[in-house]
Amino acid sequence: MWSEFRTWLLKANVLALALAVVVGTALAAVVNSLVKDVLMPPVGLALGRVDIANLFIDLTGRGYPTVKAAQEAGAPTINYGIFINNVIAFLIVAFCVFLLVKMVNRWSAKPAPAAAPTTKECGYCKTEIPIKATRCPNCTSQLQAA
């Protein structure tokens, strides 16, 4: 059973999947930082000095100033600002994956064109003969030029 597991584990598709998970995790961390630390601060500034990640609905109605303060108090909240950040991060990751798949598909080998036939069928005796033949070697019929 161990040798079968090792054989399965060492197949190229399993290794490629493992590599994809590692690279995807790293990419997600970079994209999350891009969204949180680079993209959203200017958006928040343009919206009137709003921290997008700090937008939430306090379900208790007590009016906590930040998501962190509400969470520390144990108040139930709907954190739609964090959700917006995550949606933007997802869209960026999805677009990167789309570009990567498109690039890999472009790089993948195109199928070779079908080889030109080298034989044809004699119209009289129905045997296979070379394509350039002008006379059938079997029935000696005169054939049209190829």
N, C-alpha and C. Protein backbone atom coordinates (compact mmCIF):
# COMPACT_ATOMS: atom_id res chain seq x y z
N MET A 1 0.82 -1.18 0.00
CA MET A 1 0.00 0.00 0.00
C MET A 1 0.88 1.26 0.00
N TRP A 2 2.00 1.25 0.75
CA TRP A 2 2.87 2.42 0.79
C TRP A 2 3.49 2.71 -0.56
N SER A 3 3.89 1.65 -1.27
CA SER A 3 4.50 1.89 -2.59
C SER A 3 3.46 2.45 -3.57
N GLU A 4 2.23 1.98 -3.47
CA GLU A 4 1.17 2.51 -4.32
C GLU A 4 0.90 3.98 -4.00
N PHE A 5 0.90 4.30 -2.69
CA PHE A 5 0.71 5.69 -2.27
C PHE A 5 1.85 6.57 -2.77
N ARG A 6 3.09 6.07 -2.65
CA ARG A 6 4.25 6.83 -3.11
C ARG A 6 4.18 7.04 -4.62
N THR A 7 3.78 6.03 -5.37
CA THR A 7 3.64 6.16 -6.82
C THR A 7 2.60 7.21 -7.16
N TRP A 8 1.47 7.17 -6.48
CA TRP A 8 0.41 8.16 -6.72
C TRP A 8 0.89 9.56 -6.36
N LEU A 9 1.59 9.67 -5.23
CA LEU A 9 2.05 10.97 -4.76
C LEU A 9 3.08 11.59 -5.69
N LEU A 10 3.89 10.78 -6.33
CA LEU A 10 4.95 11.29 -7.18
C LEU A 10 4.52 11.51 -8.62
N LYS A 11 3.27 11.26 -8.92
CA LYS A 11 2.79 11.56 -10.27
C LYS A 11 2.85 13.06 -10.49
N ALA A 12 3.06 13.45 -11.72
CA ALA A 12 3.26 14.87 -12.05
C ALA A 12 2.05 15.71 -11.67
N ASN A 13 0.84 15.20 -11.86
CA ASN A 13 -0.33 16.02 -11.57
C ASN A 13 -0.49 16.30 -10.08
N VAL A 14 -0.11 15.37 -9.22
CA VAL A 14 -0.20 15.59 -7.77
C VAL A 14 0.85 16.61 -7.35
N LEU A 15 2.06 16.48 -7.87
CA LEU A 15 3.11 17.44 -7.55
C LEU A 15 2.75 18.83 -8.07
N ALA A 16 2.19 18.89 -9.25
CA ALA A 16 1.78 20.18 -9.81
C ALA A 16 0.69 20.80 -8.96
N LEU A 17 -0.24 20.01 -8.47
CA LEU A 17 -1.30 20.52 -7.60
C LEU A 17 -0.72 21.06 -6.30
N ALA A 18 0.21 20.32 -5.71
CA ALA A 18 0.83 20.78 -4.47
C ALA A 18 1.58 22.09 -4.70
N LEU A 19 2.30 22.17 -5.79
CA LEU A 19 3.02 23.40 -6.12
C LEU A 19 2.04 24.55 -6.35
N ALA A 20 0.93 24.27 -7.01
CA ALA A 20 -0.08 25.30 -7.25
C ALA A 20 -0.68 25.82 -5.95
N VAL A 21 -0.88 24.95 -4.97
CA VAL A 21 -1.42 25.38 -3.68
C VAL A 21 -0.44 26.30 -2.98
N VAL A 22 0.85 25.93 -2.99
CA VAL A 22 1.87 26.75 -2.33
C VAL A 22 1.97 28.11 -3.01
N VAL A 23 2.06 28.12 -4.33
CA VAL A 23 2.17 29.38 -5.07
C VAL A 23 0.89 30.20 -4.90
N GLY A 24 -0.25 29.55 -4.93
CA GLY A 24 -1.53 30.25 -4.76
C GLY A 24 -1.65 30.89 -3.39
N THR A 25 -1.17 30.21 -2.36
CA THR A 25 -1.20 30.77 -1.01
C THR A 25 -0.31 32.01 -0.92
N ALA A 26 0.87 31.91 -1.52
CA ALA A 26 1.79 33.05 -1.52
C ALA A 26 1.18 34.21 -2.32
N LEU A 27 0.59 33.90 -3.46
CA LEU A 27 -0.03 34.94 -4.28
C LEU A 27 -1.18 35.60 -3.53
N ALA A 28 -1.97 34.81 -2.82
CA ALA A 28 -3.09 35.36 -2.07
C ALA A 28 -2.60 36.32 -0.99
N ALA A 29 -1.50 35.98 -0.33
CA ALA A 29 -0.96 36.86 0.71
C ALA A 29 -0.49 38.18 0.10
N VAL A 30 0.16 38.11 -1.05
CA VAL A 30 0.62 39.33 -1.72
C VAL A 30 -0.57 40.17 -2.16
N VAL A 31 -1.57 39.54 -2.75
CA VAL A 31 -2.74 40.27 -3.23
C VAL A 31 -3.52 40.87 -2.06
N ASN A 32 -3.64 40.14 -0.96
CA ASN A 32 -4.34 40.70 0.21
C ASN A 32 -3.62 41.94 0.73
N SER A 33 -2.30 41.89 0.76
CA SER A 33 -1.54 43.07 1.18
C SER A 33 -1.72 44.20 0.17
N LEU A 34 -1.71 43.89 -1.11
CA LEU A 34 -1.92 44.90 -2.14
C LEU A 34 -3.26 45.60 -1.93
N VAL A 35 -4.30 44.83 -1.70
CA VAL A 35 -5.63 45.41 -1.53
C VAL A 35 -5.70 46.22 -0.23
N LYS A 36 -5.25 45.60 0.87
CA LYS A 36 -5.38 46.24 2.19
C LYS A 36 -4.46 47.45 2.35
N ASP A 37 -3.23 47.33 1.87
CA ASP A 37 -2.23 48.36 2.17
C ASP A 37 -1.97 49.35 1.04
N VAL A 38 -2.35 49.00 -0.19
CA VAL A 38 -2.04 49.89 -1.32
C VAL A 38 -3.29 50.43 -2.00
N LEU A 39 -4.24 49.58 -2.33
CA LEU A 39 -5.41 50.02 -3.09
C LEU A 39 -6.48 50.72 -2.25
N MET A 40 -6.80 50.15 -1.09
CA MET A 40 -7.93 50.66 -0.34
C MET A 40 -7.66 51.99 0.40
N PRO A 41 -6.45 52.28 0.87
CA PRO A 41 -6.25 53.60 1.50
C PRO A 41 -6.58 54.77 0.57
N PRO A 42 -6.14 54.78 -0.71
CA PRO A 42 -6.55 55.90 -1.57
C PRO A 42 -8.06 55.93 -1.83
N VAL A 43 -8.67 54.75 -1.93
CA VAL A 43 -10.12 54.70 -2.12
C VAL A 43 -10.81 55.28 -0.89
N GLY A 44 -10.34 54.91 0.29
CA GLY A 44 -10.91 55.45 1.53
C GLY A 44 -10.72 56.94 1.63
N LEU A 45 -9.56 57.42 1.19
CA LEU A 45 -9.30 58.86 1.20
C LEU A 45 -10.24 59.58 0.25
N ALA A 46 -10.46 58.99 -0.92
CA ALA A 46 -11.37 59.60 -1.89
C ALA A 46 -12.81 59.60 -1.39
N LEU A 47 -13.15 58.67 -0.54
CA LEU A 47 -14.51 58.60 0.01
C LEU A 47 -14.67 59.43 1.29
N GLY A 48 -13.69 60.25 1.60
CA GLY A 48 -13.82 61.11 2.77
C GLY A 48 -13.12 60.56 4.00
N ARG A 49 -11.90 60.09 3.83
CA ARG A 49 -11.08 59.57 4.93
C ARG A 49 -11.77 58.43 5.67
N VAL A 50 -12.28 57.46 4.91
CA VAL A 50 -12.96 56.30 5.47
C VAL A 50 -12.02 55.10 5.35
N ASP A 51 -11.86 54.35 6.44
CA ASP A 51 -11.12 53.09 6.38
C ASP A 51 -12.11 52.01 5.96
N ILE A 52 -11.97 51.56 4.73
CA ILE A 52 -12.94 50.60 4.17
C ILE A 52 -13.04 49.35 5.04
N ALA A 53 -11.90 48.86 5.54
CA ALA A 53 -11.91 47.64 6.36
C ALA A 53 -12.63 47.86 7.68
N ASN A 54 -12.85 49.10 8.06
CA ASN A 54 -13.50 49.40 9.33
C ASN A 54 -14.99 49.69 9.17
N LEU A 55 -15.54 49.44 8.01
CA LEU A 55 -16.98 49.62 7.82
C LEU A 55 -17.71 48.39 8.35
N PHE A 56 -18.65 48.59 9.23
CA PHE A 56 -19.38 47.47 9.81
C PHE A 56 -20.74 47.95 10.32
N ILE A 57 -21.58 46.97 10.57
CA ILE A 57 -22.89 47.25 11.18
C ILE A 57 -22.88 46.58 12.55
N ASP A 58 -23.08 47.37 13.57
CA ASP A 58 -23.13 46.87 14.94
C ASP A 58 -24.56 46.39 15.20
N LEU A 59 -24.71 45.10 15.43
CA LEU A 59 -26.05 44.55 15.63
C LEU A 59 -26.61 44.81 17.03
N THR A 60 -25.77 45.30 17.95
CA THR A 60 -26.27 45.60 19.30
C THR A 60 -26.78 47.03 19.39
N GLY A 61 -26.35 47.90 18.46
CA GLY A 61 -26.78 49.28 18.48
C GLY A 61 -26.03 50.15 19.47
N ARG A 62 -24.92 49.68 20.03
CA ARG A 62 -24.18 50.45 21.03
C ARG A 62 -23.24 51.48 20.41
N GLY A 63 -22.94 51.38 19.15
CA GLY A 63 -22.13 52.37 18.47
C GLY A 63 -20.64 52.28 18.75
N TYR A 64 -20.05 51.16 18.52
CA TYR A 64 -18.60 50.99 18.70
C TYR A 64 -17.86 51.77 17.60
N PRO A 65 -16.73 52.38 17.92
CA PRO A 65 -16.03 53.19 16.92
C PRO A 65 -15.31 52.39 15.83
N THR A 66 -14.87 51.18 16.17
CA THR A 66 -14.13 50.36 15.18
C THR A 66 -14.59 48.92 15.27
N VAL A 67 -14.25 48.16 14.24
CA VAL A 67 -14.56 46.72 14.22
C VAL A 67 -13.82 46.04 15.36
N LYS A 68 -12.57 46.43 15.57
CA LYS A 68 -11.76 45.82 16.62
C LYS A 68 -12.39 46.04 17.99
N ALA A 69 -12.86 47.25 18.26
CA ALA A 69 -13.49 47.55 19.55
C ALA A 69 -14.76 46.73 19.73
N ALA A 70 -15.53 46.58 18.67
CA ALA A 70 -16.77 45.79 18.76
C ALA A 70 -16.44 44.31 18.99
N GLN A 71 -15.41 43.82 18.31
CA GLN A 71 -15.04 42.41 18.49
C GLN A 71 -14.49 42.16 19.88
N GLU A 72 -13.70 43.11 20.41
CA GLU A 72 -13.17 42.95 21.76
C GLU A 72 -14.28 42.94 22.79
N ALA A 73 -15.35 43.67 22.53
CA ALA A 73 -16.49 43.70 23.45
C ALA A 73 -17.40 42.49 23.25
N GLY A 74 -17.13 41.72 22.20
CA GLY A 74 -17.95 40.54 21.93
C GLY A 74 -19.26 40.87 21.26
N ALA A 75 -19.35 42.03 20.65
CA ALA A 75 -20.60 42.44 20.00
C ALA A 75 -20.70 41.78 18.62
N PRO A 76 -21.89 41.32 18.26
CA PRO A 76 -22.07 40.77 16.92
C PRO A 76 -22.09 41.89 15.89
N THR A 77 -21.31 41.71 14.83
CA THR A 77 -21.21 42.74 13.79
C THR A 77 -21.28 42.11 12.41
N ILE A 78 -21.69 42.90 11.45
CA ILE A 78 -21.61 42.53 10.04
C ILE A 78 -20.49 43.38 9.46
N ASN A 79 -19.38 42.75 9.15
CA ASN A 79 -18.17 43.45 8.71
C ASN A 79 -18.13 43.56 7.20
N TYR A 80 -18.94 44.41 6.63
CA TYR A 80 -19.01 44.50 5.18
C TYR A 80 -17.80 45.17 4.57
N GLY A 81 -17.05 45.95 5.31
CA GLY A 81 -15.81 46.54 4.80
C GLY A 81 -14.75 45.49 4.55
N ILE A 82 -14.60 44.56 5.48
CA ILE A 82 -13.65 43.45 5.30
C ILE A 82 -14.11 42.58 4.14
N PHE A 83 -15.42 42.40 4.02
CA PHE A 83 -15.96 41.62 2.90
C PHE A 83 -15.62 42.28 1.56
N ILE A 84 -15.74 43.60 1.48
CA ILE A 84 -15.40 44.32 0.25
C ILE A 84 -13.93 44.11 -0.09
N ASN A 85 -13.05 44.22 0.93
CA ASN A 85 -11.62 43.97 0.70
C ASN A 85 -11.39 42.57 0.17
N ASN A 86 -12.08 41.58 0.75
CA ASN A 86 -11.90 40.19 0.31
C ASN A 86 -12.41 39.97 -1.10
N VAL A 87 -13.51 40.61 -1.46
CA VAL A 87 -14.04 40.48 -2.82
C VAL A 87 -13.05 41.07 -3.83
N ILE A 88 -12.50 42.23 -3.51
CA ILE A 88 -11.51 42.84 -4.40
C ILE A 88 -10.28 41.96 -4.53
N ALA A 89 -9.81 41.41 -3.41
CA ALA A 89 -8.66 40.50 -3.45
C ALA A 89 -8.97 39.27 -4.29
N PHE A 90 -10.17 38.71 -4.13
CA PHE A 90 -10.56 37.55 -4.93
C PHE A 90 -10.56 37.89 -6.42
N LEU A 91 -11.10 39.03 -6.78
CA LEU A 91 -11.15 39.41 -8.20
C LEU A 91 -9.74 39.57 -8.78
N ILE A 92 -8.83 40.12 -8.00
CA ILE A 92 -7.46 40.26 -8.48
C ILE A 92 -6.81 38.89 -8.64
N VAL A 93 -6.98 37.99 -7.66
CA VAL A 93 -6.41 36.64 -7.76
C VAL A 93 -7.03 35.90 -8.95
N ALA A 94 -8.34 36.00 -9.10
CA ALA A 94 -9.01 35.32 -10.22
C ALA A 94 -8.49 35.84 -11.56
N PHE A 95 -8.28 37.14 -11.66
CA PHE A 95 -7.74 37.71 -12.90
C PHE A 95 -6.32 37.22 -13.15
N CYS A 96 -5.50 37.15 -12.11
CA CYS A 96 -4.14 36.62 -12.27
C CYS A 96 -4.15 35.16 -12.72
N VAL A 97 -5.03 34.36 -12.15
CA VAL A 97 -5.15 32.96 -12.56
C VAL A 97 -5.61 32.88 -14.01
N PHE A 98 -6.57 33.73 -14.39
CA PHE A 98 -7.03 33.77 -15.77
C PHE A 98 -5.88 34.06 -16.72
N LEU A 99 -5.07 35.07 -16.39
CA LEU A 99 -3.93 35.42 -17.24
C LEU A 99 -2.92 34.28 -17.30
N LEU A 100 -2.69 33.62 -16.16
CA LEU A 100 -1.74 32.50 -16.12
C LEU A 100 -2.23 31.34 -16.99
N VAL A 101 -3.49 30.99 -16.88
CA VAL A 101 -4.05 29.90 -17.69
C VAL A 101 -4.01 30.26 -19.17
N LYS A 102 -4.31 31.50 -19.49
CA LYS A 102 -4.27 31.95 -20.87
C LYS A 102 -2.85 31.83 -21.43
N MET A 103 -1.85 32.22 -20.62
CA MET A 103 -0.46 32.14 -21.04
C MET A 103 -0.02 30.68 -21.22
N VAL A 104 -0.39 29.81 -20.30
CA VAL A 104 -0.02 28.40 -20.40
C VAL A 104 -0.68 27.77 -21.62
N ASN A 105 -1.93 28.11 -21.88
CA ASN A 105 -2.60 27.57 -23.07
C ASN A 105 -1.91 28.02 -24.35
N ARG A 106 -1.40 29.25 -24.36
CA ARG A 106 -0.70 29.75 -25.53
C ARG A 106 0.63 29.02 -25.71
N TRP A 107 1.27 28.68 -24.59
CA TRP A 107 2.56 28.00 -24.65
C TRP A 107 2.44 26.52 -24.98
N SER A 108 1.30 25.93 -24.65
CA SER A 108 1.16 24.49 -24.85
C SER A 108 1.30 24.15 -26.33
N ALA A 109 1.86 22.98 -26.56
CA ALA A 109 2.16 22.56 -27.93
C ALA A 109 0.89 22.42 -28.75
N LYS A 110 0.93 22.98 -29.91
CA LYS A 110 -0.19 22.84 -30.84
C LYS A 110 -0.06 21.47 -31.51
N PRO A 111 -1.18 20.82 -31.79
CA PRO A 111 -1.09 19.51 -32.43
C PRO A 111 -0.47 19.65 -33.82
N ALA A 112 0.34 18.67 -34.16
CA ALA A 112 0.99 18.69 -35.46
C ALA A 112 -0.07 18.52 -36.54
N PRO A 113 0.10 19.20 -37.66
CA PRO A 113 -0.87 19.03 -38.73
C PRO A 113 -0.84 17.58 -39.24
N ALA A 114 -1.97 17.15 -39.71
CA ALA A 114 -2.08 15.77 -40.20
C ALA A 114 -1.11 15.56 -41.35
N ALA A 115 -0.43 14.44 -41.31
CA ALA A 115 0.53 14.13 -42.37
C ALA A 115 -0.21 13.88 -43.68
N ALA A 116 0.39 14.31 -44.75
CA ALA A 116 -0.21 14.09 -46.06
C ALA A 116 -0.24 12.59 -46.35
N PRO A 117 -1.29 12.11 -46.98
CA PRO A 117 -1.37 10.67 -47.26
C PRO A 117 -0.25 10.24 -48.21
N THR A 118 0.23 9.03 -47.99
CA THR A 118 1.30 8.50 -48.84
C THR A 118 0.78 7.42 -49.78
N THR A 119 -0.45 6.98 -49.56
CA THR A 119 -1.03 5.95 -50.44
C THR A 119 -2.41 6.38 -50.89
N LYS A 120 -2.87 5.73 -51.93
CA LYS A 120 -4.23 5.93 -52.42
C LYS A 120 -4.78 4.58 -52.82
N GLU A 121 -6.05 4.55 -53.11
CA GLU A 121 -6.70 3.30 -53.47
C GLU A 121 -6.87 3.25 -54.99
N CYS A 122 -6.52 2.11 -55.55
CA CYS A 122 -6.72 1.92 -56.99
C CYS A 122 -8.22 1.91 -57.26
N GLY A 123 -8.65 2.67 -58.24
CA GLY A 123 -10.07 2.77 -58.55
C GLY A 123 -10.64 1.49 -59.18
N TYR A 124 -9.76 0.58 -59.61
CA TYR A 124 -10.22 -0.64 -60.29
C TYR A 124 -10.19 -1.85 -59.38
N CYS A 125 -9.01 -2.11 -58.76
CA CYS A 125 -8.90 -3.33 -57.94
C CYS A 125 -8.99 -3.04 -56.44
N LYS A 126 -9.07 -1.78 -56.07
CA LYS A 126 -9.26 -1.34 -54.68
C LYS A 126 -8.10 -1.71 -53.75
N THR A 127 -6.89 -1.84 -54.25
CA THR A 127 -5.73 -2.09 -53.40
C THR A 127 -5.02 -0.76 -53.12
N GLU A 128 -4.26 -0.74 -52.03
CA GLU A 128 -3.49 0.44 -51.67
C GLU A 128 -2.23 0.51 -52.52
N ILE A 129 -2.00 1.68 -53.13
CA ILE A 129 -0.82 1.88 -53.95
C ILE A 129 -0.20 3.22 -53.60
N PRO A 130 1.08 3.44 -53.91
CA PRO A 130 1.71 4.73 -53.61
C PRO A 130 0.95 5.87 -54.28
N ILE A 131 0.96 7.01 -53.62
CA ILE A 131 0.18 8.16 -54.09
C ILE A 131 0.67 8.66 -55.45
N LYS A 132 1.96 8.52 -55.75
CA LYS A 132 2.52 9.02 -57.00
C LYS A 132 2.39 8.03 -58.15
N ALA A 133 1.86 6.84 -57.90
CA ALA A 133 1.75 5.82 -58.95
C ALA A 133 0.80 6.28 -60.05
N THR A 134 1.18 5.99 -61.31
CA THR A 134 0.31 6.29 -62.45
C THR A 134 -0.26 5.01 -63.06
N ARG A 135 0.26 3.87 -62.58
CA ARG A 135 -0.25 2.56 -63.04
C ARG A 135 -0.28 1.64 -61.83
N CYS A 136 -1.35 0.90 -61.67
CA CYS A 136 -1.50 -0.01 -60.53
C CYS A 136 -0.58 -1.21 -60.73
N PRO A 137 0.27 -1.54 -59.74
CA PRO A 137 1.15 -2.70 -59.90
C PRO A 137 0.41 -4.02 -59.79
N ASN A 138 -0.82 -4.00 -59.29
CA ASN A 138 -1.57 -5.24 -59.13
C ASN A 138 -2.41 -5.58 -60.36
N CYS A 139 -3.18 -4.61 -60.84
CA CYS A 139 -4.07 -4.89 -61.98
C CYS A 139 -3.59 -4.21 -63.27
N THR A 140 -2.51 -3.50 -63.20
CA THR A 140 -1.87 -2.76 -64.31
C THR A 140 -2.81 -1.75 -64.97
N SER A 141 -3.78 -1.27 -64.26
CA SER A 141 -4.68 -0.25 -64.81
C SER A 141 -3.95 1.08 -64.86
N GLN A 142 -4.26 1.85 -65.91
CA GLN A 142 -3.71 3.19 -66.05
C GLN A 142 -4.48 4.11 -65.10
N LEU A 143 -3.77 4.88 -64.24
CA LEU A 143 -4.39 5.75 -63.26
C LEU A 143 -4.16 7.20 -63.64
N GLN A 144 -4.99 8.08 -63.09
CA GLN A 144 -4.78 9.51 -63.31
C GLN A 144 -3.56 9.94 -62.49
N ALA A 145 -2.86 10.95 -62.98
CA ALA A 145 -1.69 11.47 -62.26
C ALA A 145 -2.13 12.05 -60.93
N ALA A 146 -1.27 11.94 -59.91
CA ALA A 146 -1.60 12.40 -58.57
C ALA A 146 -1.71 13.91 -58.52
